[in-house]
Amino acid sequence: MRKEADGVDVARVSDQIDGLIEKRSRQHAEANFEEMAWKESVRRHHERLRRERRAEWVRYWSVLADSLRASADEFDARAERLLEQPDRGEGGR
């Protein structure tokens, strides 16, 4: 065992430093894993929201289209009734 003049065991200190480096490396790897897992979770959440919002827009436009079709059918029926009525001339009742 090699010791310096002030009584420090260089091998022991070197082992402690190596242990600290390994510990920090594990902590860094765990933090990276947690960050990647968090990012994936956020990505899945945003994708789910995007699908839900798209489905809501599809429903909105479908309801609007149904409403407009119903109005168009009603207007067509009114126009047909007007065409079937005899011409009474201007101002005639």
PDB file of N, CA and C in Angstrom:
ATOM      1  N   MET A   1       0.839  -1.166   0.000  1.00  0.00           N
ATOM      2  CA  MET A   1       0.000   0.000   0.000  1.00  0.00           C
ATOM      3  C   MET A   1       0.888   1.235   0.000  1.00  0.00           C
ATOM      4  N   ARG A   2       0.607   2.114  -0.933  1.00  0.00           N
ATOM      5  CA  ARG A   2       1.428   3.311  -1.058  1.00  0.00           C
ATOM      6  C   ARG A   2       0.770   4.469  -0.332  1.00  0.00           C
ATOM      7  N   LYS A   3       1.496   5.121   0.508  1.00  0.00           N
ATOM      8  CA  LYS A   3       0.975   6.264   1.249  1.00  0.00           C
ATOM      9  C   LYS A   3       1.858   7.454   0.979  1.00  0.00           C
ATOM     10  N   GLU A   4       1.207   8.599   0.905  1.00  0.00           N
ATOM     11  CA  GLU A   4       1.973   9.826   0.746  1.00  0.00           C
ATOM     12  C   GLU A   4       2.457  10.287   2.114  1.00  0.00           C
ATOM     13  N   ALA A   5       3.209  11.339   2.117  1.00  0.00           N
ATOM     14  CA  ALA A   5       3.845  11.808   3.340  1.00  0.00           C
ATOM     15  C   ALA A   5       2.832  12.237   4.385  1.00  0.00           C
ATOM     16  N   ASP A   6       1.673  12.758   3.970  1.00  0.00           N
ATOM     17  CA  ASP A   6       0.711  13.227   4.962  1.00  0.00           C
ATOM     18  C   ASP A   6      -0.212  12.118   5.461  1.00  0.00           C
ATOM     19  N   GLY A   7       0.030  10.873   5.074  1.00  0.00           N
ATOM     20  CA  GLY A   7      -0.717   9.744   5.582  1.00  0.00           C
ATOM     21  C   GLY A   7      -1.963   9.391   4.795  1.00  0.00           C
ATOM     22  N   VAL A   8      -2.139   9.893   3.605  1.00  0.00           N
ATOM     23  CA  VAL A   8      -3.312   9.603   2.786  1.00  0.00           C
ATOM     24  C   VAL A   8      -3.059   8.327   1.995  1.00  0.00           C
ATOM     25  N   ASP A   9      -4.020   7.398   2.061  1.00  0.00           N
ATOM     26  CA  ASP A   9      -3.942   6.144   1.307  1.00  0.00           C
ATOM     27  C   ASP A   9      -4.452   6.425  -0.106  1.00  0.00           C
ATOM     28  N   VAL A  10      -3.566   6.520  -1.063  1.00  0.00           N
ATOM     29  CA  VAL A  10      -3.902   6.884  -2.443  1.00  0.00           C
ATOM     30  C   VAL A  10      -4.837   5.858  -3.069  1.00  0.00           C
ATOM     31  N   ALA A  11      -4.623   4.601  -2.833  1.00  0.00           N
ATOM     32  CA  ALA A  11      -5.468   3.546  -3.413  1.00  0.00           C
ATOM     33  C   ALA A  11      -6.894   3.661  -2.902  1.00  0.00           C
ATOM     34  N   ARG A  12      -7.042   3.907  -1.598  1.00  0.00           N
ATOM     35  CA  ARG A  12      -8.373   4.032  -1.010  1.00  0.00           C
ATOM     36  C   ARG A  12      -9.098   5.264  -1.564  1.00  0.00           C
ATOM     37  N   VAL A  13      -8.389   6.362  -1.647  1.00  0.00           N
ATOM     38  CA  VAL A  13      -8.972   7.593  -2.190  1.00  0.00           C
ATOM     39  C   VAL A  13      -9.343   7.386  -3.651  1.00  0.00           C
ATOM     40  N   SER A  14      -8.492   6.709  -4.393  1.00  0.00           N
ATOM     41  CA  SER A  14      -8.775   6.427  -5.804  1.00  0.00           C
ATOM     42  C   SER A  14     -10.034   5.561  -5.934  1.00  0.00           C
ATOM     43  N   ASP A  15     -10.163   4.558  -5.053  1.00  0.00           N
ATOM     44  CA  ASP A  15     -11.363   3.713  -5.065  1.00  0.00           C
ATOM     45  C   ASP A  15     -12.609   4.525  -4.723  1.00  0.00           C
ATOM     46  N   GLN A  16     -12.492   5.442  -3.776  1.00  0.00           N
ATOM     47  CA  GLN A  16     -13.624   6.290  -3.408  1.00  0.00           C
ATOM     48  C   GLN A  16     -14.029   7.187  -4.574  1.00  0.00           C
ATOM     49  N   ILE A  17     -13.050   7.743  -5.242  1.00  0.00           N
ATOM     50  CA  ILE A  17     -13.343   8.593  -6.413  1.00  0.00           C
ATOM     51  C   ILE A  17     -14.011   7.766  -7.500  1.00  0.00           C
ATOM     52  N   ASP A  18     -13.487   6.566  -7.749  1.00  0.00           N
ATOM     53  CA  ASP A  18     -14.104   5.686  -8.752  1.00  0.00           C
ATOM     54  C   ASP A  18     -15.552   5.369  -8.371  1.00  0.00           C
ATOM     55  N   GLY A  19     -15.785   5.124  -7.084  1.00  0.00           N
ATOM     56  CA  GLY A  19     -17.147   4.843  -6.612  1.00  0.00           C
ATOM     57  C   GLY A  19     -18.070   6.023  -6.836  1.00  0.00           C
ATOM     58  N   LEU A  20     -17.583   7.220  -6.547  1.00  0.00           N
ATOM     59  CA  LEU A  20     -18.388   8.429  -6.775  1.00  0.00           C
ATOM     60  C   LEU A  20     -18.703   8.619  -8.258  1.00  0.00           C
ATOM     61  N   ILE A  21     -17.703   8.378  -9.097  1.00  0.00           N
ATOM     62  CA  ILE A  21     -17.917   8.513 -10.556  1.00  0.00           C
ATOM     63  C   ILE A  21     -18.966   7.513 -11.028  1.00  0.00           C
ATOM     64  N   GLU A  22     -18.869   6.277 -10.558  1.00  0.00           N
ATOM     65  CA  GLU A  22     -19.846   5.258 -10.955  1.00  0.00           C
ATOM     66  C   GLU A  22     -21.252   5.615 -10.452  1.00  0.00           C
ATOM     67  N   LYS A  23     -21.309   6.114  -9.217  1.00  0.00           N
ATOM     68  CA  LYS A  23     -22.600   6.512  -8.657  1.00  0.00           C
ATOM     69  C   LYS A  23     -23.221   7.627  -9.482  1.00  0.00           C
ATOM     70  N   ARG A  24     -22.437   8.650  -9.829  1.00  0.00           N
ATOM     71  CA  ARG A  24     -22.939   9.758 -10.646  1.00  0.00           C
ATOM     72  C   ARG A  24     -23.364   9.266 -12.030  1.00  0.00           C
ATOM     73  N   SER A  25     -22.618   8.321 -12.567  1.00  0.00           N
ATOM     74  CA  SER A  25     -22.954   7.770 -13.879  1.00  0.00           C
ATOM     75  C   SER A  25     -24.299   7.048 -13.817  1.00  0.00           C
ATOM     76  N   ARG A  26     -24.530   6.255 -12.755  1.00  0.00           N
ATOM     77  CA  ARG A  26     -25.821   5.561 -12.584  1.00  0.00           C
ATOM     78  C   ARG A  26     -26.954   6.571 -12.416  1.00  0.00           C
ATOM     79  N   GLN A  27     -26.692   7.605 -11.612  1.00  0.00           N
ATOM     80  CA  GLN A  27     -27.712   8.632 -11.397  1.00  0.00           C
ATOM     81  C   GLN A  27     -28.049   9.334 -12.716  1.00  0.00           C
ATOM     82  N   HIS A  28     -27.013   9.601 -13.512  1.00  0.00           N
ATOM     83  CA  HIS A  28     -27.225  10.251 -14.807  1.00  0.00           C
ATOM     84  C   HIS A  28     -28.042   9.345 -15.733  1.00  0.00           C
ATOM     85  N   ALA A  29     -27.714   8.058 -15.743  1.00  0.00           N
ATOM     86  CA  ALA A  29     -28.452   7.105 -16.587  1.00  0.00           C
ATOM     87  C   ALA A  29     -29.904   7.005 -16.132  1.00  0.00           C
ATOM     88  N   GLU A  30     -30.124   6.964 -14.815  1.00  0.00           N
ATOM     89  CA  GLU A  30     -31.490   6.909 -14.291  1.00  0.00           C
ATOM     90  C   GLU A  30     -32.265   8.171 -14.636  1.00  0.00           C
ATOM     91  N   ALA A  31     -31.595   9.312 -14.524  1.00  0.00           N
ATOM     92  CA  ALA A  31     -32.253  10.584 -14.865  1.00  0.00           C
ATOM     93  C   ALA A  31     -32.605  10.615 -16.349  1.00  0.00           C
ATOM     94  N   ASN A  32     -31.698  10.132 -17.188  1.00  0.00           N
ATOM     95  CA  ASN A  32     -31.984  10.078 -18.631  1.00  0.00           C
ATOM     96  C   ASN A  32     -33.168   9.171 -18.911  1.00  0.00           C
ATOM     97  N   PHE A  33     -33.197   8.009 -18.229  1.00  0.00           N
ATOM     98  CA  PHE A  33     -34.310   7.084 -18.422  1.00  0.00           C
ATOM     99  C   PHE A  33     -35.620   7.736 -17.992  1.00  0.00           C
ATOM    100  N   GLU A  34     -35.613   8.380 -16.828  1.00  0.00           N
ATOM    101  CA  GLU A  34     -36.821   9.035 -16.335  1.00  0.00           C
ATOM    102  C   GLU A  34     -37.258  10.157 -17.273  1.00  0.00           C
ATOM    103  N   GLU A  35     -36.297  10.925 -17.783  1.00  0.00           N
ATOM    104  CA  GLU A  35     -36.637  12.011 -18.708  1.00  0.00           C
ATOM    105  C   GLU A  35     -37.238  11.455 -19.995  1.00  0.00           C
ATOM    106  N   MET A  36     -36.634  10.393 -20.524  1.00  0.00           N
ATOM    107  CA  MET A  36     -37.150   9.788 -21.754  1.00  0.00           C
ATOM    108  C   MET A  36     -38.546   9.204 -21.514  1.00  0.00           C
ATOM    109  N   ALA A  37     -38.751   8.583 -20.358  1.00  0.00           N
ATOM    110  CA  ALA A  37     -40.071   8.031 -20.039  1.00  0.00           C
ATOM    111  C   ALA A  37     -41.088   9.161 -19.924  1.00  0.00           C
ATOM    112  N   TRP A  38     -40.696  10.259 -19.300  1.00  0.00           N
ATOM    113  CA  TRP A  38     -41.587  11.417 -19.159  1.00  0.00           C
ATOM    114  C   TRP A  38     -41.933  11.983 -20.537  1.00  0.00           C
ATOM    115  N   LYS A  39     -40.917  12.143 -21.395  1.00  0.00           N
ATOM    116  CA  LYS A  39     -41.152  12.680 -22.739  1.00  0.00           C
ATOM    117  C   LYS A  39     -42.099  11.777 -23.525  1.00  0.00           C
ATOM    118  N   GLU A  40     -41.924  10.457 -23.389  1.00  0.00           N
ATOM    119  CA  GLU A  40     -42.805   9.524 -24.089  1.00  0.00           C
ATOM    120  C   GLU A  40     -44.225   9.628 -23.551  1.00  0.00           C
ATOM    121  N   SER A  41     -44.355   9.796 -22.253  1.00  0.00           N
ATOM    122  CA  SER A  41     -45.669   9.956 -21.645  1.00  0.00           C
ATOM    123  C   SER A  41     -46.355  11.221 -22.158  1.00  0.00           C
ATOM    124  N   VAL A  42     -45.609  12.305 -22.244  1.00  0.00           N
ATOM    125  CA  VAL A  42     -46.163  13.565 -22.752  1.00  0.00           C
ATOM    126  C   VAL A  42     -46.558  13.413 -24.216  1.00  0.00           C
ATOM    127  N   ARG A  43     -45.722  12.729 -24.999  1.00  0.00           N
ATOM    128  CA  ARG A  43     -46.024  12.520 -26.424  1.00  0.00           C
ATOM    129  C   ARG A  43     -47.325  11.725 -26.577  1.00  0.00           C
ATOM    130  N   ARG A  44     -47.469  10.651 -25.787  1.00  0.00           N
ATOM    131  CA  ARG A  44     -48.700   9.849 -25.863  1.00  0.00           C
ATOM    132  C   ARG A  44     -49.909  10.670 -25.432  1.00  0.00           C
ATOM    133  N   HIS A  45     -49.745  11.493 -24.401  1.00  0.00           N
ATOM    134  CA  HIS A  45     -50.841  12.348 -23.932  1.00  0.00           C
ATOM    135  C   HIS A  45     -51.273  13.320 -25.024  1.00  0.00           C
ATOM    136  N   HIS A  46     -50.308  13.969 -25.660  1.00  0.00           N
ATOM    137  CA  HIS A  46     -50.623  14.929 -26.726  1.00  0.00           C
ATOM    138  C   HIS A  46     -51.267  14.237 -27.922  1.00  0.00           C
ATOM    139  N   GLU A  47     -50.802  13.049 -28.231  1.00  0.00           N
ATOM    140  CA  GLU A  47     -51.392  12.295 -29.343  1.00  0.00           C
ATOM    141  C   GLU A  47     -52.843  11.937 -29.032  1.00  0.00           C
ATOM    142  N   ARG A  48     -53.127  11.536 -27.788  1.00  0.00           N
ATOM    143  CA  ARG A  48     -54.505  11.214 -27.386  1.00  0.00           C
ATOM    144  C   ARG A  48     -55.388  12.457 -27.480  1.00  0.00           C
ATOM    145  N   LEU A  49     -54.870  13.595 -27.009  1.00  0.00           N
ATOM    146  CA  LEU A  49     -55.640  14.844 -27.108  1.00  0.00           C
ATOM    147  C   LEU A  49     -55.903  15.218 -28.569  1.00  0.00           C
ATOM    148  N   ARG A  50     -54.898  15.033 -29.420  1.00  0.00           N
ATOM    149  CA  ARG A  50     -55.062  15.353 -30.843  1.00  0.00           C
ATOM    150  C   ARG A  50     -56.161  14.495 -31.459  1.00  0.00           C
ATOM    151  N   ARG A  51     -56.161  13.189 -31.139  1.00  0.00           N
ATOM    152  CA  ARG A  51     -57.201  12.296 -31.670  1.00  0.00           C
ATOM    153  C   ARG A  51     -58.577  12.687 -31.144  1.00  0.00           C
ATOM    154  N   GLU A  52     -58.660  13.013 -29.846  1.00  0.00           N
ATOM    155  CA  GLU A  52     -59.952  13.399 -29.272  1.00  0.00           C
ATOM    156  C   GLU A  52     -60.465  14.686 -29.904  1.00  0.00           C
ATOM    157  N   ARG A  53     -59.588  15.666 -30.073  1.00  0.00           N
ATOM    158  CA  ARG A  53     -60.001  16.935 -30.680  1.00  0.00           C
ATOM    159  C   ARG A  53     -60.426  16.740 -32.128  1.00  0.00           C
ATOM    160  N   ARG A  54     -59.715  15.901 -32.841  1.00  0.00           N
ATOM    161  CA  ARG A  54     -60.085  15.616 -34.233  1.00  0.00           C
ATOM    162  C   ARG A  54     -61.466  14.970 -34.285  1.00  0.00           C
ATOM    163  N   ALA A  55     -61.708  14.019 -33.394  1.00  0.00           N
ATOM    164  CA  ALA A  55     -63.017  13.357 -33.352  1.00  0.00           C
ATOM    165  C   ALA A  55     -64.120  14.369 -33.031  1.00  0.00           C
ATOM    166  N   GLU A  56     -63.846  15.297 -32.125  1.00  0.00           N
ATOM    167  CA  GLU A  56     -64.834  16.336 -31.797  1.00  0.00           C
ATOM    168  C   GLU A  56     -65.133  17.209 -33.020  1.00  0.00           C
ATOM    169  N   TRP A  57     -64.090  17.578 -33.772  1.00  0.00           N
ATOM    170  CA  TRP A  57     -64.318  18.382 -34.976  1.00  0.00           C
ATOM    171  C   TRP A  57     -65.124  17.605 -36.006  1.00  0.00           C
ATOM    172  N   VAL A  58     -64.844  16.335 -36.169  1.00  0.00           N
ATOM    173  CA  VAL A  58     -65.607  15.503 -37.115  1.00  0.00           C
ATOM    174  C   VAL A  58     -67.073  15.476 -36.696  1.00  0.00           C
ATOM    175  N   ARG A  59     -67.321  15.276 -35.392  1.00  0.00           N
ATOM    176  CA  ARG A  59     -68.711  15.282 -34.908  1.00  0.00           C
ATOM    177  C   ARG A  59     -69.368  16.640 -35.158  1.00  0.00           C
ATOM    178  N   TYR A  60     -68.657  17.720 -34.878  1.00  0.00           N
ATOM    179  CA  TYR A  60     -69.205  19.072 -35.071  1.00  0.00           C
ATOM    180  C   TYR A  60     -69.620  19.276 -36.523  1.00  0.00           C
ATOM    181  N   TRP A  61     -68.719  18.975 -37.448  1.00  0.00           N
ATOM    182  CA  TRP A  61     -69.015  19.205 -38.863  1.00  0.00           C
ATOM    183  C   TRP A  61     -70.100  18.257 -39.360  1.00  0.00           C
ATOM    184  N   SER A  62     -70.165  17.054 -38.814  1.00  0.00           N
ATOM    185  CA  SER A  62     -71.226  16.117 -39.209  1.00  0.00           C
ATOM    186  C   SER A  62     -72.592  16.631 -38.761  1.00  0.00           C
ATOM    187  N   VAL A  63     -72.679  17.127 -37.533  1.00  0.00           N
ATOM    188  CA  VAL A  63     -73.944  17.681 -37.039  1.00  0.00           C
ATOM    189  C   VAL A  63     -74.334  18.902 -37.875  1.00  0.00           C
ATOM    190  N   LEU A  64     -73.366  19.756 -38.164  1.00  0.00           N
ATOM    191  CA  LEU A  64     -73.648  20.939 -38.983  1.00  0.00           C
ATOM    192  C   LEU A  64     -74.134  20.531 -40.375  1.00  0.00           C
ATOM    193  N   ALA A  65     -73.475  19.546 -40.986  1.00  0.00           N
ATOM    194  CA  ALA A  65     -73.884  19.087 -42.318  1.00  0.00           C
ATOM    195  C   ALA A  65     -75.296  18.510 -42.283  1.00  0.00           C
ATOM    196  N   ASP A  66     -75.618  17.731 -41.251  1.00  0.00           N
ATOM    197  CA  ASP A  66     -76.977  17.186 -41.122  1.00  0.00           C
ATOM    198  C   ASP A  66     -78.002  18.310 -40.998  1.00  0.00           C
ATOM    199  N   SER A  67     -77.679  19.316 -40.215  1.00  0.00           N
ATOM    200  CA  SER A  67     -78.584  20.447 -40.027  1.00  0.00           C
ATOM    201  C   SER A  67     -78.793  21.198 -41.342  1.00  0.00           C
ATOM    202  N   LEU A  68     -77.718  21.415 -42.075  1.00  0.00           N
ATOM    203  CA  LEU A  68     -77.836  22.123 -43.353  1.00  0.00           C
ATOM    204  C   LEU A  68     -78.620  21.298 -44.375  1.00  0.00           C
ATOM    205  N   ARG A  69     -78.415  19.976 -44.360  1.00  0.00           N
ATOM    206  CA  ARG A  69     -79.190  19.124 -45.277  1.00  0.00           C
ATOM    207  C   ARG A  69     -80.677  19.213 -44.947  1.00  0.00           C
ATOM    208  N   ALA A  70     -81.007  19.200 -43.673  1.00  0.00           N
ATOM    209  CA  ALA A  70     -82.421  19.296 -43.265  1.00  0.00           C
ATOM    210  C   ALA A  70     -82.997  20.637 -43.700  1.00  0.00           C
ATOM    211  N   SER A  71     -82.235  21.711 -43.522  1.00  0.00           N
ATOM    212  CA  SER A  71     -82.712  23.037 -43.948  1.00  0.00           C
ATOM    213  C   SER A  71     -82.884  23.073 -45.458  1.00  0.00           C
ATOM    214  N   ALA A  72     -81.937  22.493 -46.181  1.00  0.00           N
ATOM    215  CA  ALA A  72     -82.032  22.480 -47.650  1.00  0.00           C
ATOM    216  C   ALA A  72     -83.267  21.714 -48.094  1.00  0.00           C
ATOM    217  N   ASP A  73     -83.555  20.591 -47.447  1.00  0.00           N
ATOM    218  CA  ASP A  73     -84.758  19.819 -47.791  1.00  0.00           C
ATOM    219  C   ASP A  73     -86.013  20.648 -47.535  1.00  0.00           C
ATOM    220  N   GLU A  74     -86.029  21.344 -46.408  1.00  0.00           N
ATOM    221  CA  GLU A  74     -87.173  22.193 -46.085  1.00  0.00           C
ATOM    222  C   GLU A  74     -87.329  23.311 -47.119  1.00  0.00           C
ATOM    223  N   PHE A  75     -86.235  23.939 -47.512  1.00  0.00           N
ATOM    224  CA  PHE A  75     -86.301  25.016 -48.513  1.00  0.00           C
ATOM    225  C   PHE A  75     -86.750  24.493 -49.867  1.00  0.00           C
ATOM    226  N   ASP A  76     -86.282  23.302 -50.227  1.00  0.00           N
ATOM    227  CA  ASP A  76     -86.728  22.696 -51.485  1.00  0.00           C
ATOM    228  C   ASP A  76     -88.232  22.447 -51.455  1.00  0.00           C
ATOM    229  N   ALA A  77     -88.738  21.956 -50.347  1.00  0.00           N
ATOM    230  CA  ALA A  77     -90.176  21.691 -50.218  1.00  0.00           C
ATOM    231  C   ALA A  77     -90.966  22.993 -50.321  1.00  0.00           C
ATOM    232  N   ARG A  78     -90.489  24.048 -49.694  1.00  0.00           N
ATOM    233  CA  ARG A  78     -91.177  25.350 -49.784  1.00  0.00           C
ATOM    234  C   ARG A  78     -91.178  25.860 -51.224  1.00  0.00           C
ATOM    235  N   ALA A  79     -90.057  25.715 -51.897  1.00  0.00           N
ATOM    236  CA  ALA A  79     -89.978  26.167 -53.285  1.00  0.00           C
ATOM    237  C   ALA A  79     -90.946  25.381 -54.162  1.00  0.00           C
ATOM    238  N   GLU A  80     -91.041  24.081 -53.945  1.00  0.00           N
ATOM    239  CA  GLU A  80     -91.967  23.249 -54.707  1.00  0.00           C
ATOM    240  C   GLU A  80     -93.407  23.699 -54.466  1.00  0.00           C
ATOM    241  N   ARG A  81     -93.747  23.990 -53.211  1.00  0.00           N
ATOM    242  CA  ARG A  81     -95.112  24.451 -52.901  1.00  0.00           C
ATOM    243  C   ARG A  81     -95.402  25.776 -53.591  1.00  0.00           C
ATOM    244  N   LEU A  82     -94.421  26.666 -53.612  1.00  0.00           N
ATOM    245  CA  LEU A  82     -94.611  27.958 -54.287  1.00  0.00           C
ATOM    246  C   LEU A  82     -94.819  27.763 -55.787  1.00  0.00           C
ATOM    247  N   LEU A  83     -94.099  26.840 -56.372  1.00  0.00           N
ATOM    248  CA  LEU A  83     -94.241  26.582 -57.805  1.00  0.00           C
ATOM    249  C   LEU A  83     -95.601  25.965 -58.130  1.00  0.00           C
ATOM    250  N   GLU A  84     -96.151  25.219 -57.198  1.00  0.00           N
ATOM    251  CA  GLU A  84     -97.436  24.571 -57.430  1.00  0.00           C
ATOM    252  C   GLU A  84     -98.614  25.523 -57.264  1.00  0.00           C
ATOM    253  N   GLN A  85     -98.433  26.630 -56.566  1.00  0.00           N
ATOM    254  CA  GLN A  85     -99.517  27.567 -56.365  1.00  0.00           C
ATOM    255  C   GLN A  85     -99.778  28.323 -57.687  1.00  0.00           C
ATOM    256  N   PRO A  86    -101.052  28.614 -57.939  1.00  0.00           N
ATOM    257  CA  PRO A  86    -101.362  29.360 -59.162  1.00  0.00           C
ATOM    258  C   PRO A  86    -100.803  30.783 -59.071  1.00  0.00           C
ATOM    259  N   ASP A  87    -100.451  31.306 -60.221  1.00  0.00           N
ATOM    260  CA  ASP A  87     -99.908  32.671 -60.295  1.00  0.00           C
ATOM    261  C   ASP A  87    -101.043  33.647 -60.082  1.00  0.00           C
ATOM    262  N   ARG A  88    -100.976  34.467 -59.097  1.00  0.00           N
ATOM    263  CA  ARG A  88    -102.054  35.399 -58.782  1.00  0.00           C
ATOM    264  C   ARG A  88    -101.723  36.803 -59.266  1.00  0.00           C
ATOM    265  N   GLY A  89    -100.614  36.948 -59.904  1.00  0.00           N
ATOM    266  CA  GLY A  89    -100.252  38.280 -60.402  1.00  0.00           C
ATOM    267  C   GLY A  89     -99.684  39.144 -59.298  1.00  0.00           C
ATOM    268  N   GLU A  90     -99.277  40.345 -59.696  1.00  0.00           N
ATOM    269  CA  GLU A  90     -98.694  41.257 -58.718  1.00  0.00           C
ATOM    270  C   GLU A  90     -99.760  41.762 -57.790  1.00  0.00           C
ATOM    271  N   GLY A  91     -99.467  41.725 -56.499  1.00  0.00           N
ATOM    272  CA  GLY A  91    -100.369  42.254 -55.499  1.00  0.00           C
ATOM    273  C   GLY A  91    -101.631  41.449 -55.309  1.00  0.00           C
ATOM    274  N   GLY A  92    -101.841  40.409 -56.071  1.00  0.00           N
ATOM    275  CA  GLY A  92    -103.058  39.615 -55.932  1.00  0.00           C
ATOM    276  C   GLY A  92    -102.961  38.654 -54.763  1.00  0.00           C
ATOM    277  N   ARG A  93    -104.143  38.380 -54.212  1.00  0.00           N
ATOM    278  CA  ARG A  93    -104.158  37.442 -53.081  1.00  0.00           C
ATOM    279  C   ARG A  93    -104.952  36.234 -53.396  1.00  0.00           C
TER     280      ARG A  93
END
